């Protein structure tokens, strides 16, 4: 990577927005006995780092004679919002293709950032259909397609995150570990390219959601793997296929440097950062912080650790689901199907089995037609995970028929 090119891009970017904060986090530093620094890309004008790549791509395209052409992107998330913001900044027309299923909140935010310089077209039920429509539009009109991650100018733009970090670190500090999220790979390819020779290769850690391990699978295979399906919960990093250029930049790293985080564990981090720090993170933005919990304590102790917080575009309508997932992952909430006798006093007997810190959060008859027994779905919250072992023992001692379905994804998704 041309480091001077990244420096030039960083300087040009100051005409669009100031550098994002680089903050020492007291809460995390005390918890992990380390110096934890957060690069707050969630505080960019569009609340994600995606504005950087879009700006750099369009800056170069316009300088190269592309000013009279229409710019086009396909995205239902952060790339669309960054693209729209940059279109308005340069005063150039842009077309954003989004799936028909895109939440209205994301459509409205994209329109707000782009104003009269963009138009939004809703095409297809899934992203692949939307992307195909965008490509067809580019071919038919001679427009400029702005890719989300797989392009040299996009990678160079995302590398400005690393350039800022190095200028913001205290003079006597150097990172012992840099943790960054991975989706399509533009951010990680850019940062590792810029920091090559400054930070040792072994001191990078890449984080993917468990349901979308495109980088890890590709490194294991030695070539790019297209995942047959992905879990879209971490929508900012749920990519089925890492970019070609990005994989070329990352393929030499070890598989042990790619950490997979369960989606529900990410929810624990989102809730913790919201409750303790008042920081609003989207699932992809919480990935690098969530990784801290899964590292060996001695690996972190006394180290200077940089976590890239990639975005904060969180839809608060998702908060109940995030809280639910976090409690289940932390062992503070469980769901049971009970076989309860159909007799007077049976429910009272059951309630007597609960401990002082146990609270019923859901109670629902699933089947009440049997003569002697009824099936009941019950959700129980408790103040400590260890309380459930005693509760289950009391269920067994009472001869109560039950099944714990908390971690049974198929059953839980059907009835919870």
Protein backbone atom coordinates (compact mmCIF):
# COMPACT_ATOMS: atom_id res chain seq x y z
CA UNK A 1 0.00 0.00 0.00
CA UNK A 2 1.14 3.53 -0.80
CA UNK A 3 1.31 5.08 2.66
CA UNK A 4 1.61 8.60 1.26
CA UNK A 5 -1.61 8.03 -0.67
CA UNK A 6 -3.37 7.25 2.62
CA UNK A 7 -1.90 10.37 4.21
CA UNK A 8 -3.13 12.44 1.27
CA UNK A 9 -6.58 10.88 1.57
CA UNK A 10 -6.63 11.65 5.29
CA UNK A 11 -5.77 15.29 4.67
CA UNK A 12 -8.42 15.60 1.94
CA UNK A 13 -10.98 14.06 4.29
CA UNK A 14 -10.58 16.94 6.74
CA UNK A 15 -12.61 19.03 4.32
CA UNK A 16 -15.51 16.66 4.94
CA UNK A 17 -15.31 15.87 8.67
CA UNK A 18 -12.80 16.08 11.55
CA UNK A 19 -10.91 13.01 12.71
CA UNK A 20 -13.03 10.69 14.80
CA UNK A 21 -12.23 10.52 18.54
CA UNK A 22 -9.62 8.14 19.88
CA UNK A 23 -10.62 7.57 23.49
CA UNK A 24 -9.09 5.82 26.47
CA UNK A 25 -11.86 3.77 28.08
CA UNK A 26 -11.62 3.60 31.86
CA UNK A 27 -14.36 0.99 32.28
CA UNK A 28 -12.83 -1.55 29.91
CA UNK A 29 -9.26 -0.79 31.01
CA UNK A 30 -10.06 -1.57 34.64
CA UNK A 31 -12.02 -4.66 33.72
CA UNK A 32 -9.21 -6.18 31.65
CA UNK A 33 -6.19 -4.67 33.49
CA UNK A 34 -5.01 -3.11 30.24
CA UNK A 35 -4.98 0.23 28.46
CA UNK A 36 -8.00 -0.07 26.18
CA UNK A 37 -8.42 2.62 23.52
CA UNK A 38 -11.50 2.95 21.31
CA UNK A 39 -11.36 4.40 17.81
CA UNK A 40 -14.87 5.83 17.66
CA UNK A 41 -15.97 5.45 14.05
CA UNK A 42 -19.52 5.46 15.41
CA UNK A 43 -19.01 9.22 15.83
CA UNK A 44 -18.39 10.01 12.17
CA UNK A 45 -21.07 12.16 10.44
CA UNK A 46 -22.89 8.99 9.33
CA UNK A 47 -22.02 6.97 12.46
CA UNK A 48 -19.73 4.53 10.65
CA UNK A 49 -16.36 4.39 8.88
CA UNK A 50 -17.98 3.70 5.51
CA UNK A 51 -17.98 7.38 4.65
CA UNK A 52 -14.19 7.19 4.28
CA UNK A 53 -14.06 4.70 1.43
CA UNK A 54 -16.94 6.34 -0.42
CA UNK A 55 -15.28 9.76 -0.13
CA UNK A 56 -11.91 8.53 -1.36
CA UNK A 57 -13.40 6.62 -4.29
CA UNK A 58 -15.54 9.54 -5.44
CA UNK A 59 -12.79 12.10 -4.83
CA UNK A 60 -10.51 10.22 -7.19
CA UNK A 61 -13.24 9.47 -9.74
CA UNK A 62 -14.16 13.17 -9.96
CA UNK A 63 -10.51 14.21 -10.25
CA UNK A 64 -10.13 11.67 -13.04
CA UNK A 65 -12.86 13.25 -15.15
CA UNK A 66 -15.91 11.49 -13.74
CA UNK A 67 -17.70 14.62 -12.54
CA UNK A 68 -20.44 14.48 -15.18
CA UNK A 69 -21.41 10.89 -14.43
CA UNK A 70 -23.97 9.58 -11.98
CA UNK A 71 -22.62 7.59 -9.05
CA UNK A 72 -24.41 4.38 -8.05
CA UNK A 73 -24.32 2.09 -5.03
CA UNK A 74 -26.22 -0.91 -3.75
CA UNK A 75 -26.63 -1.03 0.02
CA UNK A 76 -29.23 -1.14 2.74
CA UNK A 77 -26.94 0.13 5.47
CA UNK A 78 -23.85 2.14 6.31
CA UNK A 79 -22.36 2.18 2.81
CA UNK A 80 -25.53 3.79 1.44
CA UNK A 81 -25.49 6.49 4.11
CA UNK A 82 -21.82 7.31 3.60
CA UNK A 83 -22.33 7.34 -0.18
CA UNK A 84 -25.29 9.70 0.14
CA UNK A 85 -23.39 12.10 2.42
CA UNK A 86 -20.47 12.26 -0.03
CA UNK A 87 -22.76 12.83 -3.02
CA UNK A 88 -24.17 15.89 -1.28
CA UNK A 89 -20.67 17.07 -0.32
CA UNK A 90 -19.43 16.97 -3.91
CA UNK A 91 -22.77 18.08 -5.37
CA UNK A 92 -22.93 15.08 -7.70
CA UNK A 93 -25.98 12.94 -8.53
CA UNK A 94 -26.22 9.52 -6.96
CA UNK A 95 -28.59 6.57 -7.13
CA UNK A 96 -28.92 4.23 -4.17
CA UNK A 97 -30.38 0.79 -4.80
CA UNK A 98 -31.90 -0.87 -1.72
CA UNK A 99 -33.91 -4.07 -1.26
CA UNK A 100 -37.66 -3.58 -0.91
CA UNK A 101 -37.34 -5.09 2.59
CA UNK A 102 -35.08 -2.28 3.85
CA UNK A 103 -36.44 -0.74 7.09
CA UNK A 104 -37.95 2.71 6.57
CA UNK A 105 -35.60 4.17 9.17
CA UNK A 106 -32.58 3.33 6.99
CA UNK A 107 -34.26 4.71 3.87
CA UNK A 108 -35.10 7.96 5.65
CA UNK A 109 -31.56 8.40 7.02
CA UNK A 110 -30.00 7.81 3.61
CA UNK A 111 -32.36 10.34 2.04
CA UNK A 112 -31.57 12.84 4.82
CA UNK A 113 -27.80 12.56 4.24
CA UNK A 114 -28.05 12.86 0.45
CA UNK A 115 -30.82 15.39 0.14
CA UNK A 116 -31.72 16.42 -3.41
CA UNK A 117 -28.53 14.89 -4.81
CA UNK A 118 -29.65 11.27 -4.49
CA UNK A 119 -32.55 9.11 -5.53
CA UNK A 120 -33.43 5.82 -3.87
CA UNK A 121 -34.73 2.82 -5.78
CA UNK A 122 -36.18 -0.17 -3.95
CA UNK A 123 -35.59 -3.33 -5.96
CA UNK A 124 -35.78 -7.03 -5.01
CA UNK A 125 -36.38 -8.83 -1.76
CA UNK A 126 -32.73 -9.69 -1.11
CA UNK A 127 -29.44 -7.85 -1.60
CA UNK A 128 -28.29 -9.97 -4.56
CA UNK A 129 -31.32 -8.87 -6.59
CA UNK A 130 -30.74 -5.28 -5.56
CA UNK A 131 -27.06 -5.43 -6.50
CA UNK A 132 -27.86 -6.94 -9.91
CA UNK A 133 -30.28 -4.08 -10.59
CA UNK A 134 -27.61 -1.55 -9.65
CA UNK A 135 -25.08 -3.17 -11.99
CA UNK A 136 -27.61 -3.21 -14.82
CA UNK A 137 -28.30 0.48 -14.25
CA UNK A 138 -24.58 1.30 -14.41
CA UNK A 139 -24.17 -0.61 -17.66
CA UNK A 140 -27.22 1.03 -19.22
CA UNK A 141 -26.36 4.60 -18.20
CA UNK A 142 -22.57 4.66 -18.02
CA UNK A 143 -22.69 5.49 -14.33
CA UNK A 144 -19.96 5.04 -11.73
CA UNK A 145 -20.48 2.03 -9.42
CA UNK A 146 -19.14 2.71 -5.92
CA UNK A 147 -18.38 -0.71 -4.38
CA UNK A 148 -18.69 -1.24 -0.62
CA UNK A 149 -15.25 -2.79 -0.01
CA UNK A 150 -13.54 -4.54 -2.94
CA UNK A 151 -11.66 -1.69 -4.62
CA UNK A 152 -8.21 -0.13 -4.13
CA UNK A 153 -9.62 3.36 -3.57
CA UNK A 154 -12.15 2.09 -1.04
CA UNK A 155 -9.41 0.21 0.82
CA UNK A 156 -7.19 3.30 0.79
CA UNK A 157 -10.05 5.36 2.20
CA UNK A 158 -10.67 2.92 5.04
CA UNK A 159 -6.92 2.90 5.78
CA UNK A 160 -7.27 6.50 6.97
CA UNK A 161 -8.62 5.01 10.22
CA UNK A 162 -5.13 3.62 10.89
CA UNK A 163 -3.44 6.87 9.87
CA UNK A 164 -5.54 8.77 12.40
CA UNK A 165 -4.87 6.24 15.16
CA UNK A 166 -1.12 6.60 14.77
CA UNK A 167 -1.37 10.39 14.98
CA UNK A 168 -3.71 10.23 17.99
CA UNK A 169 -1.80 7.75 20.14
CA UNK A 170 0.11 9.34 23.04
CA UNK A 171 3.78 9.89 22.16
CA UNK A 172 4.98 7.17 24.50
CA UNK A 173 2.39 4.58 23.43
CA UNK A 174 2.44 1.95 20.74
CA UNK A 175 -0.34 -0.61 20.24
CA UNK A 176 0.39 -4.12 21.43
CA UNK A 177 -2.84 -5.40 19.89
CA UNK A 178 -5.21 -3.92 17.30
CA UNK A 179 -8.66 -5.49 17.11
CA UNK A 180 -10.90 -4.77 14.15
CA UNK A 181 -14.17 -6.18 12.80
CA UNK A 182 -14.33 -7.90 9.42
CA UNK A 183 -17.20 -8.00 6.96
CA UNK A 184 -16.12 -7.59 3.36
CA UNK A 185 -12.57 -6.83 4.49
CA UNK A 186 -12.08 -3.25 3.30
CA UNK A 187 -11.30 -1.84 6.74
CA UNK A 188 -8.94 -4.63 7.80
CA UNK A 189 -7.14 -4.71 4.45
CA UNK A 190 -6.63 -0.95 4.58
CA UNK A 191 -5.48 -0.80 8.20
CA UNK A 192 -3.06 -3.72 7.99
CA UNK A 193 -1.64 -2.34 4.74
CA UNK A 194 -0.97 1.09 6.23
CA UNK A 195 0.46 -0.33 9.48
CA UNK A 196 2.70 -2.88 7.77
CA UNK A 197 6.18 -2.38 9.24
CA UNK A 198 4.78 -0.26 12.09
CA UNK A 199 2.75 -2.91 13.90
CA UNK A 200 3.89 -6.55 13.84
CA UNK A 201 1.65 -8.89 11.86
CA UNK A 202 1.08 -11.04 14.96
CA UNK A 203 -0.43 -8.05 16.79
CA UNK A 204 -3.57 -7.86 14.66
CA UNK A 205 -6.79 -9.60 15.64
CA UNK A 206 -9.72 -9.86 13.23
CA UNK A 207 -13.23 -10.45 14.52
CA UNK A 208 -16.19 -11.92 12.64
CA UNK A 209 -19.66 -12.95 13.79
CA UNK A 210 -20.01 -16.72 14.12
CA UNK A 211 -22.78 -16.72 11.53
CA UNK A 212 -20.64 -15.10 8.82
CA UNK A 213 -17.04 -16.40 9.02
CA UNK A 214 -16.02 -15.55 5.46
CA UNK A 215 -12.43 -14.54 6.28
CA UNK A 216 -11.74 -17.44 8.63
CA UNK A 217 -13.13 -20.06 6.23
CA UNK A 218 -11.18 -18.55 3.34
CA UNK A 219 -7.88 -18.50 5.25
CA UNK A 220 -8.45 -22.11 6.31
CA UNK A 221 -9.11 -23.13 2.69
CA UNK A 222 -6.28 -21.05 1.24
CA UNK A 223 -8.68 -19.43 -1.23
CA UNK A 224 -11.89 -17.44 -1.11
CA UNK A 225 -14.88 -19.39 0.18
CA UNK A 226 -18.42 -18.24 -0.56
CA UNK A 227 -20.56 -19.15 2.43
CA UNK A 228 -23.78 -21.00 1.53
CA UNK A 229 -25.70 -18.95 4.09
CA UNK A 230 -25.06 -16.27 6.69
CA UNK A 231 -26.76 -15.10 9.86
CA UNK A 232 -27.85 -11.53 9.10
CA UNK A 233 -28.18 -10.43 12.74
CA UNK A 234 -24.82 -8.62 12.58
CA UNK A 235 -25.92 -6.91 9.40
CA UNK A 236 -22.87 -4.67 9.10
CA UNK A 237 -20.54 -7.70 8.91
CA UNK A 238 -22.79 -10.44 7.54
CA UNK A 239 -20.95 -10.97 4.26
CA UNK A 240 -21.02 -14.29 2.43
CA UNK A 241 -17.86 -13.63 0.42
CA UNK A 242 -14.89 -11.50 1.39
CA UNK A 243 -13.59 -9.19 -1.34
CA UNK A 244 -10.92 -10.46 -3.73
CA UNK A 245 -8.46 -7.61 -3.09
CA UNK A 246 -9.18 -7.74 0.61
CA UNK A 247 -8.50 -11.46 0.89
CA UNK A 248 -5.24 -11.02 -1.03
CA UNK A 249 -4.19 -8.54 1.66
CA UNK A 250 -5.26 -10.76 4.57
CA UNK A 251 -4.62 -14.35 3.48
CA UNK A 252 -1.16 -14.52 5.08
CA UNK A 253 -2.53 -14.03 8.59
CA UNK A 254 -3.10 -17.11 10.75
CA UNK A 255 -6.50 -18.63 11.39
CA UNK A 256 -5.84 -18.13 15.11
CA UNK A 257 -5.88 -14.38 14.42
CA UNK A 258 -9.50 -14.54 13.29
CA UNK A 259 -11.88 -14.79 16.21
CA UNK A 260 -15.54 -15.73 15.82
CA UNK A 261 -18.04 -14.20 18.23
CA UNK A 262 -21.51 -15.73 18.77
CA UNK A 263 -24.27 -13.30 17.87
CA UNK A 264 -25.76 -13.47 21.37
CA UNK A 265 -22.39 -12.66 22.95
CA UNK A 266 -22.28 -9.49 20.85
CA UNK A 267 -25.63 -8.55 22.40
CA UNK A 268 -24.06 -8.72 25.88
CA UNK A 269 -21.49 -6.14 24.77
CA UNK A 270 -24.13 -3.87 23.23
CA UNK A 271 -26.14 -3.86 26.47
CA UNK A 272 -23.05 -3.39 28.65
CA UNK A 273 -21.74 -0.43 26.65
CA UNK A 274 -25.21 1.15 26.59
CA UNK A 275 -25.87 0.72 30.31
CA UNK A 276 -22.39 1.50 31.65
CA UNK A 277 -20.94 3.93 29.10
CA UNK A 278 -24.02 5.33 27.39
CA UNK A 279 -22.46 4.31 24.06
CA UNK A 280 -24.87 3.15 21.34
CA UNK A 281 -23.33 0.45 19.13
CA UNK A 282 -24.69 -1.54 16.24
CA UNK A 283 -23.85 -5.26 16.33
CA UNK A 284 -20.89 -4.93 13.94
CA UNK A 285 -19.65 -1.95 15.95
CA UNK A 286 -19.55 -4.06 19.11
CA UNK A 287 -17.47 -6.89 17.60
CA UNK A 288 -14.01 -5.66 18.56
CA UNK A 289 -15.03 -4.95 22.17
CA UNK A 290 -16.83 -8.31 22.44
CA UNK A 291 -13.55 -10.00 21.48
CA UNK A 292 -11.93 -8.81 24.72
CA UNK A 293 -14.06 -11.19 26.78
CA UNK A 294 -12.76 -14.18 24.82
CA UNK A 295 -9.05 -13.41 25.10
CA UNK A 296 -6.81 -14.81 27.79
CA UNK A 297 -6.54 -12.35 30.68
CA UNK A 298 -2.75 -12.63 30.72
CA UNK A 299 -2.69 -11.85 27.00
CA UNK A 300 -4.28 -8.48 27.75
CA UNK A 301 -2.78 -7.57 31.12
CA UNK A 302 -0.68 -4.42 30.96
CA UNK A 303 -1.01 -4.17 27.17
CA UNK A 304 -2.06 -1.22 25.02
CA UNK A 305 -5.06 -2.44 23.04
CA UNK A 306 -6.87 -0.58 20.25
CA UNK A 307 -10.45 -1.58 19.42
CA UNK A 308 -11.98 -0.16 16.27
CA UNK A 309 -15.62 0.66 16.98
CA UNK A 310 -16.88 0.53 13.42
CA UNK A 311 -20.44 1.85 13.69
CA UNK A 312 -23.34 2.98 15.83
CA UNK A 313 -26.35 2.84 13.52
CA UNK A 314 -28.56 0.92 15.91
CA UNK A 315 -32.31 0.69 15.41
CA UNK A 316 -33.80 0.87 18.91
CA UNK A 317 -36.73 -1.26 17.78
CA UNK A 318 -34.20 -4.11 17.99
CA UNK A 319 -33.39 -3.40 21.65
CA UNK A 320 -35.88 -5.90 23.17
CA UNK A 321 -34.45 -8.68 21.00
CA UNK A 322 -30.87 -7.67 21.83
CA UNK A 323 -31.64 -7.64 25.56
CA UNK A 324 -33.35 -11.03 25.29
CA UNK A 325 -30.36 -12.55 23.49
CA UNK A 326 -27.94 -11.03 26.00
CA UNK A 327 -29.79 -12.43 29.01
CA UNK A 328 -30.00 -15.90 27.48
CA UNK A 329 -26.30 -15.90 26.60
CA UNK A 330 -25.36 -14.69 30.10
CA UNK A 331 -27.42 -17.47 31.69
CA UNK A 332 -29.81 -15.03 33.35
CA UNK A 333 -32.89 -16.18 31.47
CA UNK A 334 -34.14 -19.61 30.51
CA UNK A 335 -37.18 -21.05 28.81
CA UNK A 336 -38.79 -24.35 29.78
CA UNK A 337 -41.66 -26.43 28.49
CA UNK A 338 -43.40 -27.89 31.53
CA UNK A 339 -45.82 -30.81 31.76
CA UNK A 340 -48.09 -29.55 34.49
CA UNK A 341 -50.83 -31.70 36.10
CA UNK A 342 -54.36 -30.48 35.39
CA UNK A 343 -55.55 -30.34 39.01
CA UNK A 344 -56.35 -27.62 41.53
CA UNK A 345 -53.23 -26.34 43.28
CA UNK A 346 -50.76 -27.60 40.65
CA UNK A 347 -49.74 -24.09 39.63
CA UNK A 348 -49.36 -23.05 43.28
CA UNK A 349 -47.11 -26.08 43.89
CA UNK A 350 -44.98 -25.10 40.91
CA UNK A 351 -44.62 -21.51 42.09
CA UNK A 352 -43.34 -22.83 45.40
CA UNK A 353 -40.35 -24.31 43.57
CA UNK A 354 -39.09 -20.90 42.48
CA UNK A 355 -36.26 -19.27 44.40
CA UNK A 356 -36.32 -15.75 45.90
CA UNK A 357 -34.40 -14.32 42.91
CA UNK A 358 -36.45 -16.10 40.23
CA UNK A 359 -39.02 -14.14 38.25
CA UNK A 360 -41.53 -15.42 35.70
CA UNK A 361 -41.26 -13.30 32.54
CA UNK A 362 -43.53 -15.40 30.35
CA UNK A 363 -46.28 -17.93 31.01
CA UNK A 364 -48.30 -19.47 28.21
CA UNK A 365 -50.37 -22.62 27.76
CA UNK A 366 -49.24 -24.44 24.63
CA UNK A 367 -51.71 -27.29 24.91
CA UNK A 368 -54.58 -27.61 27.36
CA UNK A 369 -56.65 -30.34 25.76
CA UNK A 370 -55.12 -33.32 27.59
CA UNK A 371 -57.20 -34.68 30.46
CA UNK A 372 -54.44 -35.09 33.02
CA UNK A 373 -51.59 -32.80 31.94
CA UNK A 374 -51.06 -29.52 30.11
CA UNK A 375 -47.99 -28.22 28.30
CA UNK A 376 -46.79 -24.80 29.37
CA UNK A 377 -44.12 -22.46 28.00
CA UNK A 378 -42.48 -20.55 30.82
CA UNK A 379 -39.71 -17.97 30.76
CA UNK A 380 -37.77 -17.40 33.98
CA UNK A 381 -35.28 -14.65 34.76
CA UNK A 382 -32.90 -14.82 37.70
CA UNK A 383 -30.23 -12.58 39.19
CA UNK A 384 -27.40 -15.11 38.83
CA UNK A 385 -26.80 -17.99 36.39
CA UNK A 386 -26.05 -20.44 39.22
CA UNK A 387 -29.62 -20.06 40.51
CA UNK A 388 -30.88 -22.22 37.67
CA UNK A 389 -28.98 -25.34 38.75
CA UNK A 390 -30.88 -25.31 42.04
CA UNK A 391 -34.17 -24.64 40.27
CA UNK A 392 -33.67 -27.54 37.86
CA UNK A 393 -32.83 -29.82 40.79
CA UNK A 394 -36.07 -28.82 42.50
CA UNK A 395 -37.97 -29.56 39.29
CA UNK A 396 -36.45 -33.05 39.21
CA UNK A 397 -37.07 -33.72 42.90
CA UNK A 398 -40.73 -32.76 42.43
CA UNK A 399 -41.06 -35.22 39.54
CA UNK A 400 -41.96 -32.37 37.21
CA UNK A 401 -41.77 -33.15 33.51
CA UNK A 402 -39.81 -30.39 31.79
CA UNK A 403 -37.46 -29.57 28.92
CA UNK A 404 -35.00 -26.67 28.78
CA UNK A 405 -35.39 -25.16 25.29
CA UNK A 406 -33.27 -22.04 25.84
CA UNK A 407 -30.48 -23.16 23.50
CA UNK A 408 -32.64 -25.16 21.12
CA UNK A 409 -32.62 -22.68 18.23
CA UNK A 410 -35.22 -24.51 16.15
CA UNK A 411 -37.81 -24.83 18.93
CA UNK A 412 -37.02 -21.44 20.45
CA UNK A 413 -37.41 -19.61 17.15
CA UNK A 414 -40.79 -21.26 16.62
CA UNK A 415 -42.44 -20.53 19.95
CA UNK A 416 -40.48 -17.86 21.88
